[in-house]
Protein backbone atom coordinates (compact mmCIF):
# COMPACT_ATOMS: atom_id res chain seq x y z
CA UNK A 1 -21.48 6.74 -31.07
CA UNK A 2 -25.25 6.48 -30.82
CA UNK A 3 -27.19 7.83 -27.85
CA UNK A 4 -27.55 4.24 -26.65
CA UNK A 5 -23.75 3.97 -26.49
CA UNK A 6 -23.56 7.23 -24.54
CA UNK A 7 -26.16 6.02 -22.03
CA UNK A 8 -24.40 2.65 -21.66
CA UNK A 9 -21.10 4.44 -21.11
CA UNK A 10 -22.63 6.72 -18.45
CA UNK A 11 -24.08 3.70 -16.62
CA UNK A 12 -20.69 1.97 -16.79
CA UNK A 13 -18.98 5.02 -15.26
CA UNK A 14 -21.57 5.37 -12.49
CA UNK A 15 -21.30 1.69 -11.55
CA UNK A 16 -17.49 1.65 -11.75
CA UNK A 17 -16.88 4.82 -9.74
CA UNK A 18 -19.78 4.02 -7.37
CA UNK A 19 -18.33 0.63 -6.47
CA UNK A 20 -14.90 2.21 -6.06
CA UNK A 21 -16.29 4.93 -3.75
CA UNK A 22 -18.11 2.29 -1.67
CA UNK A 23 -14.88 0.34 -1.17
CA UNK A 24 -12.93 3.49 -0.32
CA UNK A 25 -15.48 4.20 2.43
CA UNK A 26 -14.90 0.71 3.83
CA UNK A 27 -11.14 1.26 3.87
CA UNK A 28 -11.52 4.59 5.69
CA UNK A 29 -13.91 3.01 8.21
CA UNK A 30 -11.55 0.09 8.84
CA UNK A 31 -8.57 2.39 9.33
CA UNK A 32 -10.59 4.47 11.79
CA UNK A 33 -11.16 1.35 13.92
CA UNK A 34 -7.66 2.01 15.24
CA UNK A 35 -6.78 4.01 18.34
CA UNK A 36 -6.46 7.74 17.73
CA UNK A 37 -2.93 9.14 17.51
CA UNK A 38 -1.87 12.70 16.76
CA UNK A 39 0.16 13.00 13.55
CA UNK A 40 -0.54 16.66 12.76
CA UNK A 41 2.76 18.02 14.06
CA UNK A 42 5.44 19.52 11.81
CA UNK A 43 3.38 19.78 8.59
CA UNK A 44 6.35 21.19 6.65
CA UNK A 45 8.42 18.06 7.29
CA UNK A 46 5.44 15.84 6.51
CA UNK A 47 4.80 17.50 3.14
CA UNK A 48 8.50 17.15 2.37
CA UNK A 49 8.37 13.43 3.20
CA UNK A 50 5.39 12.92 0.95
CA UNK A 51 6.99 14.83 -1.93
CA UNK A 52 10.35 13.06 -1.65
CA UNK A 53 9.25 9.51 -0.82
CA UNK A 54 5.76 9.00 -2.29
CA UNK A 55 6.01 11.33 -5.29
CA UNK A 56 9.78 11.39 -5.80
CA UNK A 57 10.33 7.66 -5.12
CA UNK A 58 13.57 8.52 -3.27
CA UNK A 59 13.70 5.25 -1.28
CA UNK A 60 12.82 3.07 -4.28
CA UNK A 61 16.09 3.83 -6.08
CA UNK A 62 18.18 2.46 -3.22
CA UNK A 63 17.84 -0.74 -5.26
CA UNK A 64 18.49 0.80 -8.70
CA UNK A 65 17.13 -1.89 -11.04
CA UNK A 66 13.76 -2.31 -9.32
CA UNK A 67 13.67 1.41 -8.51
CA UNK A 68 14.12 2.62 -12.08
CA UNK A 69 11.67 0.06 -13.46
CA UNK A 70 9.12 1.09 -10.83
CA UNK A 71 9.51 4.78 -11.67
CA UNK A 72 8.90 4.01 -15.36
CA UNK A 73 5.71 2.08 -14.56
CA UNK A 74 4.55 4.61 -11.98
CA UNK A 75 5.13 7.72 -14.11
CA UNK A 76 3.97 6.08 -17.32
CA UNK A 77 0.77 4.61 -15.94
CA UNK A 78 -0.24 7.81 -14.15
CA UNK A 79 0.52 10.14 -17.07
CA UNK A 80 -1.05 7.91 -19.71
CA UNK A 81 -4.27 7.85 -17.71
CA UNK A 82 -4.52 11.64 -18.11
CA UNK A 83 -6.08 10.67 -21.44
CA UNK A 84 -8.87 9.11 -19.40
CA UNK A 85 -10.41 12.59 -19.14
CA UNK A 86 -10.72 12.80 -22.93
CA UNK A 87 -12.07 9.24 -23.11
CA UNK A 88 -14.78 10.09 -20.56
CA UNK A 89 -15.85 13.21 -22.45
CA UNK A 90 -15.86 11.35 -25.78
CA UNK A 91 -17.85 8.50 -24.24
CA UNK A 92 -20.47 10.74 -22.65
CA UNK A 93 -20.99 13.14 -25.57
CA UNK A 94 -20.18 10.98 -28.59
CA UNK A 95 -17.21 13.12 -29.67
CA UNK A 96 -13.88 11.86 -31.00
CA UNK A 97 -10.55 13.16 -29.67
CA UNK A 98 -12.35 16.21 -28.36
CA UNK A 99 -9.19 18.01 -27.15
CA UNK A 100 -7.34 17.84 -30.48
CA UNK A 101 -8.86 20.97 -32.12
CA UNK A 102 -8.20 23.06 -29.01
CA UNK A 103 -4.67 21.92 -28.15
CA UNK A 104 -3.21 21.65 -31.66
CA UNK A 105 0.50 20.85 -31.57
CA UNK A 106 0.37 20.35 -27.80
CA UNK A 107 -2.09 17.51 -28.37
CA UNK A 108 0.33 15.86 -30.80
CA UNK A 109 3.12 16.09 -28.23
CA UNK A 110 0.91 14.66 -25.50
CA UNK A 111 -0.21 11.65 -27.55
CA UNK A 112 3.37 11.01 -28.69
CA UNK A 113 4.64 11.12 -25.10
CA UNK A 114 1.80 8.81 -23.98
CA UNK A 115 2.83 6.27 -26.60
CA UNK A 116 6.53 6.38 -25.70
CA UNK A 117 5.64 5.94 -22.04
CA UNK A 118 3.28 3.07 -22.92
CA UNK A 119 6.04 1.08 -24.64
CA UNK A 120 8.42 1.82 -21.75
CA UNK A 121 5.79 0.59 -19.28
CA UNK A 122 5.36 -2.60 -21.32
CA UNK A 123 9.11 -3.24 -21.24
CA UNK A 124 9.31 -2.54 -17.50
CA UNK A 125 6.31 -4.75 -16.71
CA UNK A 126 7.77 -7.63 -18.72
CA UNK A 127 11.05 -7.17 -16.79
CA UNK A 128 9.11 -7.34 -13.51
CA UNK A 129 7.35 -10.50 -14.68
CA UNK A 130 10.69 -12.12 -15.54
CA UNK A 131 12.12 -11.19 -12.13
CA UNK A 132 9.11 -12.80 -10.42
CA UNK A 133 8.56 -15.89 -12.54
CA UNK A 134 11.81 -16.71 -14.38
CA UNK A 135 14.67 -15.40 -12.25
CA UNK A 136 12.49 -15.97 -9.16
CA UNK A 137 14.17 -13.53 -6.80
CA UNK A 138 14.26 -14.91 -3.27
CA UNK A 139 12.03 -12.21 -1.77
CA UNK A 140 9.26 -13.14 -4.24
CA UNK A 141 9.22 -16.87 -3.48
CA UNK A 142 9.03 -16.79 0.34
CA UNK A 143 6.31 -18.89 1.94
CA UNK A 144 4.44 -15.77 3.15
CA UNK A 145 3.53 -15.08 -0.50
CA UNK A 146 1.96 -18.49 -1.12
CA UNK A 147 -1.53 -18.49 -2.60
CA UNK A 148 -3.32 -15.28 -3.60
CA UNK A 149 -0.48 -12.84 -2.74
CA UNK A 150 1.77 -14.48 -5.35
CA UNK A 151 -0.99 -14.53 -7.98
CA UNK A 152 -1.97 -10.96 -7.12
CA UNK A 153 1.44 -9.65 -8.16
CA UNK A 154 1.13 -11.37 -11.54
CA UNK A 155 -2.50 -10.27 -12.04
CA UNK A 156 -1.43 -6.64 -11.76
CA UNK A 157 1.36 -7.16 -14.30
CA UNK A 158 -1.07 -8.80 -16.73
CA UNK A 159 -3.54 -5.95 -16.23
CA UNK A 160 -0.86 -3.39 -17.11
CA UNK A 161 0.32 -5.38 -20.15
CA UNK A 162 -3.23 -5.64 -21.50
CA UNK A 163 -4.09 -1.97 -20.84
CA UNK A 164 -0.93 -0.67 -22.52
CA UNK A 165 -1.42 -3.03 -25.49
CA UNK A 166 -5.06 -1.93 -25.89
CA UNK A 167 -3.97 1.71 -25.75
CA UNK A 168 -1.48 1.22 -28.59
CA UNK A 169 -3.92 -0.89 -30.67
CA UNK A 170 -6.62 1.76 -30.17
CA UNK A 171 -4.26 4.44 -31.48
CA UNK A 172 -2.99 2.25 -34.35
CA UNK A 173 -6.49 1.51 -35.65
CA UNK A 174 -7.40 5.18 -35.21
CA UNK A 175 -4.34 6.21 -37.22
CA UNK A 176 -5.23 3.76 -39.99
CA UNK A 177 -8.72 5.26 -40.32
CA UNK A 178 -7.36 8.81 -40.17
CA UNK A 179 -5.26 8.05 -43.28
CA UNK A 180 -8.12 6.62 -45.38
CA UNK A 181 -8.09 8.61 -48.68
CA UNK A 182 -10.90 11.17 -48.68
CA UNK A 183 -11.48 10.66 -44.94
CA UNK A 184 -13.64 8.11 -43.17
CA UNK A 185 -16.52 8.72 -40.83
CA UNK A 186 -15.54 10.88 -37.81
CA UNK A 187 -11.82 9.96 -37.84
CA UNK A 188 -10.18 13.35 -38.44
CA UNK A 189 -6.41 13.75 -38.35
CA UNK A 190 -5.31 14.30 -34.76
CA UNK A 191 -2.33 13.26 -32.69
CA UNK A 192 1.19 12.01 -33.33
CA UNK A 193 1.82 8.26 -33.10
CA UNK A 194 5.54 7.36 -32.91
CA UNK A 195 4.88 3.79 -31.69
CA UNK A 196 1.48 2.80 -33.07
CA UNK A 197 2.48 3.90 -36.58
CA UNK A 198 4.46 0.66 -36.71
CA UNK A 199 1.40 -1.34 -35.62
CA UNK A 200 -1.05 0.34 -38.03
CA UNK A 201 0.07 -1.73 -41.10
CA UNK A 202 -1.53 -4.76 -39.41
CA UNK A 203 -4.90 -3.33 -40.48
CA UNK A 204 -3.93 -2.99 -44.15
CA UNK A 205 -6.18 -5.09 -46.34
CA UNK A 206 -9.08 -5.00 -43.87
CA UNK A 207 -12.28 -3.19 -44.73
CA UNK A 208 -12.69 0.23 -43.18
CA UNK A 209 -15.85 -0.95 -41.41
CA UNK A 210 -13.99 -3.86 -39.79
CA UNK A 211 -11.14 -1.61 -38.65
CA UNK A 212 -13.67 0.85 -37.20
CA UNK A 213 -15.35 -2.01 -35.37
CA UNK A 214 -11.98 -3.14 -33.97
CA UNK A 215 -11.09 0.44 -33.02
CA UNK A 216 -14.31 0.80 -31.03
CA UNK A 217 -13.71 -2.61 -29.43
CA UNK A 218 -10.20 -1.54 -28.34
CA UNK A 219 -11.63 1.72 -27.00
CA UNK A 220 -14.33 -0.02 -24.95
CA UNK A 221 -12.00 -2.73 -23.66
CA UNK A 222 -9.48 -0.06 -22.64
CA UNK A 223 -11.96 1.97 -20.57
CA UNK A 224 -13.62 -1.15 -19.10
CA UNK A 225 -10.15 -2.50 -18.23
CA UNK A 226 -9.26 0.73 -16.42
CA UNK A 227 -12.49 0.59 -14.37
CA UNK A 228 -11.92 -3.07 -13.49
CA UNK A 229 -8.31 -2.33 -12.53
CA UNK A 230 -9.43 0.61 -10.38
CA UNK A 231 -11.89 -1.56 -8.46
CA UNK A 232 -9.47 -4.48 -8.20
CA UNK A 233 -7.17 -2.24 -6.14
CA UNK A 234 -9.42 -2.74 -3.09
CA UNK A 235 -8.62 -6.47 -3.09
CA UNK A 236 -4.98 -6.04 -4.05
CA UNK A 237 -1.66 -5.02 -2.55
CA UNK A 238 -1.65 -2.21 -5.13
CA UNK A 239 -3.67 0.03 -2.85
CA UNK A 240 -0.30 1.67 -2.27
CA UNK A 241 -0.88 3.54 -5.55
CA UNK A 242 -3.37 5.65 -3.59
CA UNK A 243 -2.30 5.23 0.03
CA UNK A 244 1.45 5.83 -0.31
CA UNK A 245 0.78 9.58 -0.17
CA UNK A 246 -1.14 9.75 3.14
CA UNK A 247 1.07 6.99 4.55
CA UNK A 248 4.28 8.95 4.03
CA UNK A 249 2.63 12.16 5.24
CA UNK A 250 1.48 10.61 8.53
CA UNK A 251 4.65 8.55 9.07
CA UNK A 252 6.41 8.79 12.44
CA UNK A 253 8.90 11.68 12.48
CA UNK A 254 10.56 10.68 15.74
CA UNK A 255 14.08 9.19 15.67
CA UNK A 256 14.09 5.49 14.87
CA UNK A 257 14.28 3.50 18.08
CA UNK A 258 12.30 6.03 20.13
CA UNK A 259 9.12 4.39 21.39
CA UNK A 260 6.02 5.96 22.88
CA UNK A 261 5.30 5.45 26.55
CA UNK A 262 1.84 4.39 27.67
CA UNK A 263 0.11 7.48 29.04
CA UNK A 264 -1.57 5.57 31.89
CA UNK A 265 1.74 4.07 33.02
CA UNK A 266 3.53 7.41 32.73
CA UNK A 267 0.93 9.05 34.98
CA UNK A 268 1.32 6.32 37.60
CA UNK A 269 5.11 6.58 37.59
CA UNK A 270 5.02 10.38 37.90
CA UNK A 271 2.56 10.06 40.78
CA UNK A 272 4.82 7.53 42.44
CA UNK A 273 7.95 9.68 42.01
CA UNK A 274 6.37 12.93 43.20
CA UNK A 275 6.81 13.21 46.99
CA UNK A 276 4.15 15.94 47.14
CA UNK A 277 1.49 14.03 45.22
CA UNK A 278 -1.63 12.84 46.95
CA UNK A 279 -2.48 9.40 45.55
CA UNK A 280 -6.02 9.69 46.95
CA UNK A 281 -6.62 12.92 45.00
CA UNK A 282 -6.62 11.13 41.64
CA UNK A 283 -9.55 11.65 39.30
CA UNK A 284 -12.49 9.33 39.97
CA UNK A 285 -12.61 6.16 37.90
CA UNK A 286 -15.66 5.23 35.86
CA UNK A 287 -16.44 1.72 37.06
CA UNK A 288 -18.52 0.98 33.94
CA UNK A 289 -15.77 1.93 31.50
CA UNK A 290 -13.79 -0.86 29.85
CA UNK A 291 -10.29 -1.06 31.34
CA UNK A 292 -7.52 0.28 29.16
CA UNK A 293 -5.48 -2.44 27.48
CA UNK A 294 -1.70 -2.41 27.64
CA UNK A 295 -0.34 -3.08 24.16
CA UNK A 296 -2.25 -4.74 21.33
CA UNK A 297 -3.76 -8.17 20.83
CA UNK A 298 -6.05 -7.31 17.91
CA UNK A 299 -6.30 -4.71 15.16
CA UNK A 300 -8.64 -2.46 17.16
CA UNK A 301 -5.83 -2.02 19.73
CA UNK A 302 -3.40 -0.69 17.12
CA UNK A 303 -3.45 2.98 16.18
CA UNK A 304 -4.98 4.14 12.89
CA UNK A 305 -1.57 4.92 11.33
CA UNK A 306 -0.51 1.30 11.86
CA UNK A 307 -3.72 0.15 10.14
CA UNK A 308 -3.02 2.60 7.30
CA UNK A 309 0.45 1.03 7.09
CA UNK A 310 -1.14 -2.41 6.69
CA UNK A 311 -3.30 -1.28 3.78
CA UNK A 312 -0.36 0.53 2.16
CA UNK A 313 2.04 -2.45 2.20
CA UNK A 314 3.02 -3.41 -1.35
CA UNK A 315 4.46 -6.80 -0.30
CA UNK A 316 7.74 -5.99 -2.05
CA UNK A 317 9.68 -7.91 0.60
CA UNK A 318 12.47 -5.37 1.05
CA UNK A 319 11.79 -5.41 4.79
CA UNK A 320 12.00 -9.20 5.06
CA UNK A 321 15.09 -9.44 2.85
CA UNK A 322 16.86 -7.02 5.24
CA UNK A 323 15.60 -8.55 8.50
CA UNK A 324 18.48 -10.22 10.41
CA UNK A 325 16.08 -12.53 12.23
CA UNK A 326 14.62 -13.76 8.95
CA UNK A 327 18.05 -14.11 7.37
CA UNK A 328 19.16 -16.40 10.20
CA UNK A 329 16.20 -18.73 9.76
CA UNK A 330 13.76 -17.35 12.33
CA UNK A 331 10.03 -17.40 11.60
CA UNK A 332 9.75 -13.61 11.65
CA UNK A 333 8.92 -11.88 8.36
CA UNK A 334 8.08 -8.16 8.68
CA UNK A 335 6.19 -8.42 5.39
CA UNK A 336 4.02 -11.18 6.87
CA UNK A 337 3.35 -9.00 9.94
CA UNK A 338 1.86 -6.34 7.67
CA UNK A 339 -0.03 -8.84 5.49
CA UNK A 340 -1.50 -10.58 8.55
CA UNK A 341 -2.57 -7.25 10.02
CA UNK A 342 -4.32 -6.31 6.78
CA UNK A 343 -5.98 -9.75 6.51
CA UNK A 344 -7.29 -9.54 10.06
CA UNK A 345 -8.49 -5.96 9.49
CA UNK A 346 -10.35 -7.08 6.37
CA UNK A 347 -11.90 -9.92 8.35
CA UNK A 348 -13.06 -7.51 11.06
CA UNK A 349 -14.48 -5.21 8.37
CA UNK A 350 -16.48 -8.05 6.82
CA UNK A 351 -17.77 -8.95 10.29
CA UNK A 352 -19.01 -5.36 10.73
CA UNK A 353 -20.63 -5.38 7.28
CA UNK A 354 -22.39 -8.66 8.02
CA UNK A 355 -23.73 -7.40 11.37
CA UNK A 356 -25.11 -4.04 10.28
CA UNK A 357 -22.23 -1.88 11.42
CA UNK A 358 -21.47 -3.65 14.71
CA UNK A 359 -18.50 -5.92 15.36
CA UNK A 360 -19.60 -9.24 16.85
CA UNK A 361 -16.78 -11.05 18.72
CA UNK A 362 -15.57 -13.96 16.59
CA UNK A 363 -13.18 -15.58 19.09
CA UNK A 364 -10.22 -14.58 16.94
CA UNK A 365 -7.40 -12.10 17.47
CA UNK A 366 -4.45 -10.86 15.47
CA UNK A 367 -2.20 -12.35 18.15
CA UNK A 368 -2.05 -16.16 18.02
CA UNK A 369 -4.60 -16.61 15.20
CA UNK A 370 -2.48 -14.68 12.71
CA UNK A 371 0.83 -13.74 14.33
CA UNK A 372 2.54 -16.06 16.81
CA UNK A 373 4.58 -15.03 19.86
CA UNK A 374 7.54 -16.88 18.32
CA UNK A 375 7.54 -14.41 15.42
CA UNK A 376 7.29 -11.41 17.74
CA UNK A 377 10.12 -12.45 20.04
CA UNK A 378 12.42 -13.19 17.08
CA UNK A 379 12.57 -9.45 16.32
CA UNK A 380 15.83 -7.73 17.32
CA UNK A 381 14.17 -4.25 17.08
CA UNK A 382 17.00 -3.13 14.80
CA UNK A 383 14.70 -1.01 12.57
CA UNK A 384 16.10 -2.51 9.34
CA UNK A 385 12.54 -3.15 8.10
CA UNK A 386 11.54 0.47 8.76
CA UNK A 387 14.64 1.81 7.06
CA UNK A 388 14.14 -0.35 3.96
CA UNK A 389 10.43 0.25 3.37
CA UNK A 390 9.98 2.48 0.29
CA UNK A 391 6.79 4.05 1.72
CA UNK A 392 7.77 4.47 5.41
CA UNK A 393 5.80 1.55 6.86
CA UNK A 394 6.79 0.45 10.37
CA UNK A 395 6.26 -3.27 11.07
CA UNK A 396 8.36 -2.78 14.20
CA UNK A 397 5.75 -0.56 15.86
CA UNK A 398 3.15 -3.35 15.54
CA UNK A 399 5.62 -5.94 16.84
CA UNK A 400 6.47 -3.81 19.88
CA UNK A 401 2.82 -3.11 20.73
CA UNK A 402 2.02 -6.82 20.60
CA UNK A 403 5.08 -7.63 22.72
CA UNK A 404 3.90 -5.04 25.21
CA UNK A 405 0.57 -6.87 25.47
CA UNK A 406 2.32 -10.20 26.02
CA UNK A 407 4.46 -8.76 28.82
CA UNK A 408 2.05 -6.40 30.57
CA UNK A 409 -1.26 -8.21 30.09
CA UNK A 410 -0.30 -11.87 29.98
CA UNK A 411 3.12 -12.00 31.67
CA UNK A 412 4.08 -14.16 28.72
CA UNK A 413 7.61 -12.96 28.06
CA UNK A 414 10.36 -15.52 27.42
CA UNK A 415 11.96 -16.94 30.58
CA UNK A 416 15.26 -15.13 30.01
CA UNK A 417 13.48 -11.78 29.65
CA UNK A 418 11.38 -12.38 32.76
CA UNK A 419 14.54 -13.20 34.69
CA UNK A 420 16.16 -9.97 33.51
CA UNK A 421 13.13 -7.85 34.49
CA UNK A 422 13.01 -9.53 37.91
CA UNK A 423 16.69 -8.77 38.44
CA UNK A 424 16.18 -5.12 37.47
CA UNK A 425 13.26 -4.89 39.92
CA UNK A 426 15.15 -6.54 42.78
CA UNK A 427 18.78 -5.66 42.11
CA UNK A 428 18.55 -2.51 39.94
CA UNK A 429 20.61 -4.36 37.31
CA UNK A 430 19.93 -7.07 34.70
CA UNK A 431 22.26 -9.52 36.47
CA UNK A 432 21.51 -11.68 39.46
CA UNK A 433 23.62 -10.22 42.21
CA UNK A 434 22.93 -7.84 45.05
CA UNK A 435 23.04 -4.08 44.71
CA UNK A 436 26.04 -3.91 47.03
CA UNK A 437 28.06 -5.87 44.48
CA UNK A 438 27.15 -3.80 41.45
CA UNK A 439 30.50 -2.00 41.21
CA UNK A 440 32.75 -4.99 41.94
CA UNK A 441 33.66 -5.21 38.25
CA UNK A 442 35.91 -2.15 38.65
CA UNK A 443 38.22 -4.11 40.94
CA UNK A 444 38.80 -6.82 38.38
CA UNK A 445 42.16 -6.88 36.58
């Protein structure tokens, strides 16, 4: 490489990683728009969750075919990109396979393992493409994936196919030039190539200069492709590659089905139930402060873990395929709940960017504009979606917070639910009869 190439490569890295860092800052800012919640308890259990679920993929293999294919892609893609360190050094300093002289046989083993993983990733990605576009599994053709979400899944598969192919072509052309009698240019013998050795004969009959030109083209396309892929993550469901780890660490450790009480309501109830409490001795209220909202109508009312959940969702559809409401024809799709939350959060983030760091009300909310009450009330709160999610996302927590807003802020619960709550208030039971008759059932034959 000439110095001009090195400078161009450095500029490319600065732009690529700079744009990535800028988008990461936006994600962190958007997540922090949520209400604060303490998830620092029991660090030992949290680290275990992250190791088993995010790193170990323990929930993925509950569906063995998809699980094993995903592990192949996940492990292969991550490990192969270890070579990115060598590519960066070579690009900045004009070296070629800089680690080879220092690692010796270990380098040969590494390159050989990268190649085997690359072909396995290619096979797995093609299998995923067939499942999406030929077999057309039901969870990939639901209406909530219409438009960009459906294309996004395929874009990622194409990216991975191209990157793995470029990696093997880069190695094959390199191997061809390494074997030129008497040596050629800077291509010294380095590495072991169990897969690309079968591709290398394609270059037989070409001039060495043409093969070198192709080799450099494959090298540049490979690194440019990686940088484009890295920055595409911000716009894609594949943010879970990065966010699955914090998402599983900060996941709720409480038993499924246990919900948090509103602190303000809890204080009022305790005050009401305490015969010794002085209701007039309560702390003074700041009349200028905005009143606390019960439940959530927009993304700023959700807590930051729920917003992290939204960004982490991989749109795999396991939650929706296990949802009894969805399976019986209701409008509810837990996957759509997460996608809508992320879309609204992105919209709020763009509003803040456009208004110099301040959110300007846009007469939209997550409730009604994105998620309808019909969807929320279809939920049976069975936790199937939470149980099925491979990265511990909880659509149910968002559903329950939005229901809470409908009930406590708008009195907009379904008629049957309002009747039940009225009966509990008046009769101390869900049924419409007096308290004196509550135990009459025991006299029935």
